[in-house]
């Protein structure tokens, strides 16, 4: 290169830098992104193992594990296997489990009466887990869909899910779950008034320290399919749940609905599903200041697993990115089937 060429190149370089400086005003956002240490130093949102709640599925029997076809890597477990899973979760530092039963058809009827059995499957699991791993939290769901022969979350009368009768059953079932050792009752049914009724019933039974995590905004989503296979209701459901679940189009209604649960005594609020409703997560956190949780539901989980299996995405990276999104949206924790996998990656410093 001649001296003239070198002079021209230097002039172009100086001019280009000057042009960029004129545009940016010397504000260079990339400076903190240059090195790993500076990215870690300036990171605004962090995901830790303390943010994870692991949902597990319980089935009758002893020493039984049943893989769920629609949820690769997830299995239904007999109570003894669930105890082993609880020990593993505690060793990983996961704070809590959320348990869901898949009961025999002989225990299902129109009113979900098996929910009122003090020694039903979910209560057996709670007792066993709390006895073996007393320091892990147990969160139980009082919705009736695992116990009805029609797959709905409430009592079916003449084609209608009746509200008040359902609430009375839910409140009684919540007391049995607390008697068994549940730390948090999590009503997912979306009946009106159930939070207040459950709080009154728990307090009357002396369970003042048992918390309520309300599924405050549970939407009529298309993402629940694999879960319904897991609890054995996918072939039972008659009609749909739009008469009591929230319309996915309605954010204002969701915030109002959550507000009623706050007034009735909810200690924590949940948004379900999670990723499609990050705006609701943020709105609830900003509006009420209570702990807010998101449920990364079965459909979200299975889509990541399917994309990874097909080679379309890096499953681990997408998993962690989505979990981080819940935290960025204001969630205090996430119910996720990825909990053990995520906990191991967090322990390795993968986030």
Protein backbone atom coordinates (compact mmCIF):
# COMPACT_ATOMS: atom_id res chain seq x y z
CA UNK A 1 0.00 0.00 0.00
CA UNK A 2 1.38 3.42 -0.98
CA UNK A 3 1.69 6.27 1.48
CA UNK A 4 -1.20 7.97 -0.28
CA UNK A 5 -3.38 4.87 0.10
CA UNK A 6 -2.47 4.62 3.78
CA UNK A 7 -3.38 8.26 4.28
CA UNK A 8 -6.73 7.79 2.55
CA UNK A 9 -7.56 4.68 4.62
CA UNK A 10 -6.66 6.47 7.84
CA UNK A 11 -8.85 9.39 6.85
CA UNK A 12 -11.80 7.12 6.12
CA UNK A 13 -11.32 5.35 9.46
CA UNK A 14 -11.21 8.66 11.32
CA UNK A 15 -14.26 9.97 9.45
CA UNK A 16 -16.23 6.78 10.10
CA UNK A 17 -15.42 6.88 13.79
CA UNK A 18 -16.34 10.52 13.91
CA UNK A 19 -19.66 9.84 12.17
CA UNK A 20 -20.52 7.06 14.64
CA UNK A 21 -19.49 9.22 17.58
CA UNK A 22 -21.74 11.97 16.26
CA UNK A 23 -24.66 9.55 16.13
CA UNK A 24 -24.06 7.85 19.47
CA UNK A 25 -22.85 10.87 21.38
CA UNK A 26 -20.11 8.62 22.80
CA UNK A 27 -22.76 6.41 24.43
CA UNK A 28 -21.58 2.90 23.71
CA UNK A 29 -23.97 0.28 25.11
CA UNK A 30 -21.67 -2.54 24.03
CA UNK A 31 -18.90 -1.63 26.46
CA UNK A 32 -20.42 -3.71 29.27
CA UNK A 33 -21.04 -6.64 26.91
CA UNK A 34 -17.44 -7.12 25.82
CA UNK A 35 -16.32 -9.60 28.49
CA UNK A 36 -17.98 -12.37 30.44
CA UNK A 37 -17.06 -10.76 33.77
CA UNK A 38 -18.67 -7.44 32.81
CA UNK A 39 -21.80 -9.15 31.52
CA UNK A 40 -22.12 -10.97 34.86
CA UNK A 41 -21.40 -7.79 36.79
CA UNK A 42 -24.18 -5.83 35.06
CA UNK A 43 -26.79 -8.60 34.78
CA UNK A 44 -30.17 -7.27 35.93
CA UNK A 45 -32.14 -10.51 36.39
CA UNK A 46 -30.95 -13.75 37.93
CA UNK A 47 -32.44 -17.23 38.00
CA UNK A 48 -31.55 -19.37 41.00
CA UNK A 49 -32.60 -22.80 42.23
CA UNK A 50 -34.71 -21.00 44.85
CA UNK A 51 -37.02 -19.88 42.03
CA UNK A 52 -38.03 -23.42 41.04
CA UNK A 53 -41.09 -25.47 41.99
CA UNK A 54 -41.27 -28.99 40.56
CA UNK A 55 -44.73 -30.37 39.60
CA UNK A 56 -44.91 -34.16 39.88
CA UNK A 57 -47.63 -36.71 39.07
CA UNK A 58 -48.72 -39.40 41.52
CA UNK A 59 -50.30 -42.77 40.66
CA UNK A 60 -51.43 -45.73 42.77
CA UNK A 61 -49.18 -48.69 43.38
CA UNK A 62 -45.73 -49.43 44.72
CA UNK A 63 -42.41 -49.05 42.92
CA UNK A 64 -44.17 -47.81 39.77
CA UNK A 65 -42.90 -45.29 37.23
CA UNK A 66 -44.94 -44.59 34.08
CA UNK A 67 -43.42 -42.39 31.36
CA UNK A 68 -45.86 -39.83 29.94
CA UNK A 69 -45.73 -40.03 26.16
CA UNK A 70 -46.70 -36.40 25.59
CA UNK A 71 -44.10 -35.12 28.08
CA UNK A 72 -40.68 -36.64 27.28
CA UNK A 73 -38.62 -37.07 30.43
CA UNK A 74 -41.63 -36.79 32.77
CA UNK A 75 -43.22 -39.80 34.49
CA UNK A 76 -46.08 -40.58 36.83
CA UNK A 77 -44.78 -42.03 40.09
CA UNK A 78 -46.18 -44.16 42.88
CA UNK A 79 -45.94 -42.62 46.33
CA UNK A 80 -42.69 -44.39 47.23
CA UNK A 81 -41.07 -43.19 44.01
CA UNK A 82 -42.40 -39.68 44.69
CA UNK A 83 -40.59 -39.77 48.04
CA UNK A 84 -37.37 -40.62 46.21
CA UNK A 85 -38.02 -37.73 43.82
CA UNK A 86 -38.55 -35.41 46.78
CA UNK A 87 -35.20 -36.45 48.26
CA UNK A 88 -33.51 -35.76 44.93
CA UNK A 89 -35.20 -32.36 44.66
CA UNK A 90 -34.10 -31.45 48.18
CA UNK A 91 -30.52 -32.48 47.37
CA UNK A 92 -30.65 -30.16 44.34
CA UNK A 93 -31.90 -27.30 46.51
CA UNK A 94 -35.38 -27.12 44.96
CA UNK A 95 -37.60 -25.51 47.63
CA UNK A 96 -40.96 -27.12 46.86
CA UNK A 97 -42.94 -29.72 44.95
CA UNK A 98 -46.45 -29.40 43.52
CA UNK A 99 -48.28 -32.74 43.46
CA UNK A 100 -51.03 -33.87 41.08
CA UNK A 101 -52.82 -37.25 41.24
CA UNK A 102 -53.93 -39.65 38.54
CA UNK A 103 -56.48 -41.84 40.31
CA UNK A 104 -58.31 -44.96 39.19
CA UNK A 105 -61.60 -44.50 37.33
CA UNK A 106 -63.45 -46.23 40.16
CA UNK A 107 -62.66 -43.18 42.32
CA UNK A 108 -64.04 -40.64 39.82
CA UNK A 109 -67.63 -39.44 39.76
CA UNK A 110 -69.70 -36.36 38.83
CA UNK A 111 -68.99 -34.58 42.11
CA UNK A 112 -65.33 -35.48 42.61
CA UNK A 113 -66.18 -37.02 45.95
CA UNK A 114 -62.82 -38.81 46.27
CA UNK A 115 -61.29 -35.38 46.91
CA UNK A 116 -62.97 -35.55 50.33
CA UNK A 117 -61.34 -38.82 51.35
CA UNK A 118 -58.76 -38.02 54.07
CA UNK A 119 -56.52 -40.84 52.84
CA UNK A 120 -56.89 -40.32 49.11
CA UNK A 121 -53.87 -40.59 46.82
CA UNK A 122 -52.77 -36.98 47.03
CA UNK A 123 -52.95 -36.96 50.82
CA UNK A 124 -51.02 -40.23 51.02
CA UNK A 125 -48.28 -38.64 48.94
CA UNK A 126 -48.17 -35.52 51.11
CA UNK A 127 -47.85 -37.52 54.32
CA UNK A 128 -45.11 -39.72 52.91
CA UNK A 129 -43.11 -36.84 51.46
CA UNK A 130 -43.35 -34.67 54.58
CA UNK A 131 -42.34 -37.59 56.80
CA UNK A 132 -39.31 -38.46 54.68
CA UNK A 133 -38.26 -34.97 53.56
CA UNK A 134 -39.78 -32.59 56.11
CA UNK A 135 -37.89 -29.52 54.91
CA UNK A 136 -39.23 -29.52 51.36
CA UNK A 137 -42.44 -27.59 50.70
CA UNK A 138 -45.50 -29.44 49.42
CA UNK A 139 -48.08 -27.56 47.34
CA UNK A 140 -51.40 -29.29 46.68
CA UNK A 141 -54.13 -28.48 44.17
CA UNK A 142 -57.74 -28.70 45.31
CA UNK A 143 -59.39 -28.55 41.87
CA UNK A 144 -61.72 -31.47 41.21
CA UNK A 145 -60.66 -32.42 37.67
CA UNK A 146 -58.49 -35.38 38.79
CA UNK A 147 -61.51 -36.75 40.69
CA UNK A 148 -64.45 -36.19 38.31
CA UNK A 149 -65.58 -38.56 35.60
CA UNK A 150 -66.14 -35.64 33.21
CA UNK A 151 -62.73 -33.97 33.55
CA UNK A 152 -64.00 -30.60 34.74
CA UNK A 153 -62.66 -28.68 37.74
CA UNK A 154 -66.02 -28.56 39.48
CA UNK A 155 -69.30 -30.35 40.02
CA UNK A 156 -71.36 -30.89 36.87
CA UNK A 157 -75.14 -30.40 37.20
CA UNK A 158 -77.37 -30.42 34.10
CA UNK A 159 -74.51 -29.43 31.84
CA UNK A 160 -73.30 -26.60 34.10
CA UNK A 161 -70.31 -26.43 36.42
CA UNK A 162 -72.00 -25.20 39.58
CA UNK A 163 -70.02 -22.67 41.54
CA UNK A 164 -71.10 -22.63 45.18
CA UNK A 165 -71.49 -26.38 45.65
CA UNK A 166 -68.03 -26.84 44.14
CA UNK A 167 -66.56 -24.25 46.50
CA UNK A 168 -67.92 -26.11 49.53
CA UNK A 169 -66.21 -29.31 48.37
CA UNK A 170 -62.97 -27.48 47.65
CA UNK A 171 -62.89 -25.93 51.11
CA UNK A 172 -63.43 -29.29 52.80
CA UNK A 173 -60.81 -30.96 50.59
CA UNK A 174 -58.33 -28.19 51.41
CA UNK A 175 -58.68 -28.97 55.13
CA UNK A 176 -57.92 -32.66 54.50
CA UNK A 177 -54.86 -31.66 52.47
CA UNK A 178 -53.64 -29.39 55.26
CA UNK A 179 -54.29 -32.16 57.79
CA UNK A 180 -52.03 -34.40 55.69
CA UNK A 181 -49.23 -31.83 55.90
CA UNK A 182 -49.61 -29.62 52.83
CA UNK A 183 -47.75 -26.34 53.28
CA UNK A 184 -49.55 -24.43 50.52
CA UNK A 185 -53.05 -24.97 49.13
CA UNK A 186 -53.23 -23.97 45.47
CA UNK A 187 -56.81 -23.76 44.13
CA UNK A 188 -56.73 -23.99 40.32
CA UNK A 189 -60.46 -24.34 39.63
CA UNK A 190 -61.34 -20.65 39.00
CA UNK A 191 -64.61 -20.82 40.93
CA UNK A 192 -65.76 -17.48 42.35
CA UNK A 193 -65.28 -17.05 46.09
CA UNK A 194 -63.17 -20.13 46.68
CA UNK A 195 -60.19 -18.31 48.20
CA UNK A 196 -62.25 -16.77 51.00
CA UNK A 197 -64.07 -20.04 51.68
CA UNK A 198 -60.82 -22.02 51.81
CA UNK A 199 -59.18 -19.44 54.09
CA UNK A 200 -62.11 -19.59 56.49
CA UNK A 201 -62.12 -23.39 56.48
CA UNK A 202 -58.36 -23.63 57.07
CA UNK A 203 -58.46 -21.13 59.91
CA UNK A 204 -61.44 -22.85 61.53
CA UNK A 205 -59.49 -26.12 61.46
CA UNK A 206 -56.46 -24.51 63.08
CA UNK A 207 -54.35 -24.30 59.91
CA UNK A 208 -53.52 -20.61 60.26
CA UNK A 209 -49.99 -21.11 58.92
CA UNK A 210 -51.02 -22.92 55.74
CA UNK A 211 -50.73 -20.53 52.80
CA UNK A 212 -52.96 -20.16 49.76
CA UNK A 213 -51.36 -19.81 46.34
CA UNK A 214 -54.26 -18.84 44.15
CA UNK A 215 -54.30 -19.75 40.49
CA UNK A 216 -55.58 -16.20 40.23
CA UNK A 217 -55.45 -15.95 36.46
CA UNK A 218 -55.87 -19.32 34.81
CA UNK A 219 -56.64 -18.93 31.13
CA UNK A 220 -58.63 -21.15 28.77
CA UNK A 221 -55.44 -22.12 26.97
CA UNK A 222 -54.66 -24.66 24.28
CA UNK A 223 -51.43 -25.55 26.10
CA UNK A 224 -52.83 -27.95 28.72
CA UNK A 225 -53.11 -31.08 26.56
CA UNK A 226 -50.10 -33.06 27.84
CA UNK A 227 -51.08 -32.31 31.46
CA UNK A 228 -54.54 -33.76 30.87
CA UNK A 229 -52.90 -36.92 29.57
CA UNK A 230 -50.73 -37.00 32.67
CA UNK A 231 -53.68 -36.92 35.11
CA UNK A 232 -55.90 -39.11 32.93
CA UNK A 233 -58.59 -36.58 31.97
CA UNK A 234 -57.87 -36.02 28.26
CA UNK A 235 -60.40 -38.65 27.18
CA UNK A 236 -62.97 -37.65 29.79
CA UNK A 237 -63.48 -33.95 29.21
CA UNK A 238 -66.97 -33.09 28.00
CA UNK A 239 -67.08 -29.69 26.34
CA UNK A 240 -64.46 -27.16 27.37
CA UNK A 241 -63.61 -24.96 30.33
CA UNK A 242 -64.31 -21.52 28.89
CA UNK A 243 -67.30 -20.94 31.18
CA UNK A 244 -64.97 -20.62 34.17
CA UNK A 245 -61.39 -20.18 32.92
CA UNK A 246 -60.33 -16.72 31.75
CA UNK A 247 -60.55 -15.61 28.13
CA UNK A 248 -56.96 -15.29 26.78
CA UNK A 249 -57.96 -11.94 25.27
CA UNK A 250 -58.86 -10.31 28.61
CA UNK A 251 -56.06 -8.68 30.59
CA UNK A 252 -58.20 -6.22 32.54
CA UNK A 253 -60.57 -8.97 33.66
CA UNK A 254 -57.58 -11.06 34.77
CA UNK A 255 -56.28 -8.26 36.96
CA UNK A 256 -59.74 -7.71 38.48
CA UNK A 257 -60.12 -11.43 39.13
CA UNK A 258 -56.77 -11.56 40.89
CA UNK A 259 -57.75 -8.54 42.96
CA UNK A 260 -60.77 -10.38 44.34
CA UNK A 261 -58.50 -13.25 45.39
CA UNK A 262 -56.22 -10.77 47.16
CA UNK A 263 -59.22 -9.34 49.03
CA UNK A 264 -60.30 -12.86 50.05
CA UNK A 265 -56.94 -13.67 51.59
CA UNK A 266 -54.64 -15.16 48.95
CA UNK A 267 -51.01 -15.15 50.09
CA UNK A 268 -49.55 -15.69 46.61
CA UNK A 269 -50.82 -15.34 43.05
CA UNK A 270 -50.21 -17.59 40.07
CA UNK A 271 -50.45 -16.99 36.34
CA UNK A 272 -51.20 -20.04 34.19
CA UNK A 273 -49.97 -20.61 31.53
CA UNK A 274 -46.79 -18.60 31.87
CA UNK A 275 -45.03 -17.51 28.72
CA UNK A 276 -48.04 -16.25 26.76
CA UNK A 277 -49.05 -14.10 29.74
CA UNK A 278 -45.89 -12.31 30.85
CA UNK A 279 -47.82 -9.04 30.71
CA UNK A 280 -50.20 -10.43 33.33
CA UNK A 281 -47.27 -11.52 35.53
CA UNK A 282 -45.90 -7.98 35.51
CA UNK A 283 -49.33 -6.41 36.03
CA UNK A 284 -50.08 -8.58 39.08
CA UNK A 285 -46.70 -7.87 40.63
CA UNK A 286 -47.05 -4.13 40.09
CA UNK A 287 -50.70 -4.03 41.18
CA UNK A 288 -50.66 -6.09 44.36
CA UNK A 289 -47.09 -6.56 45.57
CA UNK A 290 -47.73 -10.18 46.56
CA UNK A 291 -45.43 -13.02 45.54
CA UNK A 292 -46.30 -13.94 41.94
CA UNK A 293 -45.64 -17.32 40.34
CA UNK A 294 -45.91 -18.53 36.76
CA UNK A 295 -46.73 -22.07 35.72
CA UNK A 296 -44.69 -23.14 32.71
CA UNK A 297 -47.35 -25.59 31.62
CA UNK A 298 -47.09 -28.96 29.93
CA UNK A 299 -47.56 -27.65 26.40
CA UNK A 300 -44.73 -25.17 26.85
CA UNK A 301 -42.50 -27.92 28.21
CA UNK A 302 -43.35 -30.41 25.46
CA UNK A 303 -42.80 -27.88 22.65
CA UNK A 304 -39.26 -27.23 23.89
CA UNK A 305 -38.58 -30.96 24.16
CA UNK A 306 -39.98 -31.60 20.68
CA UNK A 307 -38.00 -28.75 19.14
CA UNK A 308 -34.83 -30.01 20.76
CA UNK A 309 -35.45 -33.60 19.65
CA UNK A 310 -35.98 -32.42 16.07
CA UNK A 311 -32.77 -30.39 16.14
CA UNK A 312 -34.59 -27.10 15.55
CA UNK A 313 -33.44 -25.48 18.81
CA UNK A 314 -30.92 -25.96 21.58
CA UNK A 315 -33.30 -27.24 24.25
CA UNK A 316 -31.16 -26.35 27.26
CA UNK A 317 -30.56 -22.79 26.12
CA UNK A 318 -34.20 -22.21 25.23
CA UNK A 319 -35.29 -23.70 28.55
CA UNK A 320 -33.08 -21.34 30.53
CA UNK A 321 -34.00 -18.33 28.40
CA UNK A 322 -37.70 -18.90 29.00
CA UNK A 323 -37.25 -19.45 32.73
CA UNK A 324 -35.30 -16.20 32.90
CA UNK A 325 -38.13 -14.44 31.06
CA UNK A 326 -40.51 -15.25 33.92
CA UNK A 327 -38.11 -13.69 36.40
CA UNK A 328 -37.67 -10.61 34.22
CA UNK A 329 -41.46 -10.23 34.12
CA UNK A 330 -41.57 -9.98 37.91
CA UNK A 331 -42.22 -13.58 38.97
CA UNK A 332 -40.90 -14.71 42.32
CA UNK A 333 -40.89 -18.34 41.22
CA UNK A 334 -41.80 -20.75 38.45
CA UNK A 335 -43.60 -24.08 38.45
CA UNK A 336 -41.74 -26.02 35.81
CA UNK A 337 -41.22 -29.65 34.80
CA UNK A 338 -37.67 -28.59 33.97
CA UNK A 339 -36.90 -27.94 37.66
CA UNK A 340 -34.35 -30.76 38.23
CA UNK A 341 -32.69 -30.16 34.86
CA UNK A 342 -32.53 -26.42 35.44
CA UNK A 343 -31.26 -26.87 38.99
CA UNK A 344 -28.34 -28.96 37.75
CA UNK A 345 -27.42 -26.37 35.12
CA UNK A 346 -27.64 -23.57 37.66
CA UNK A 347 -25.31 -25.54 39.97
CA UNK A 348 -22.81 -25.72 37.11
CA UNK A 349 -23.00 -21.96 36.61
CA UNK A 350 -24.73 -22.30 33.26
CA UNK A 351 -26.76 -19.09 33.73
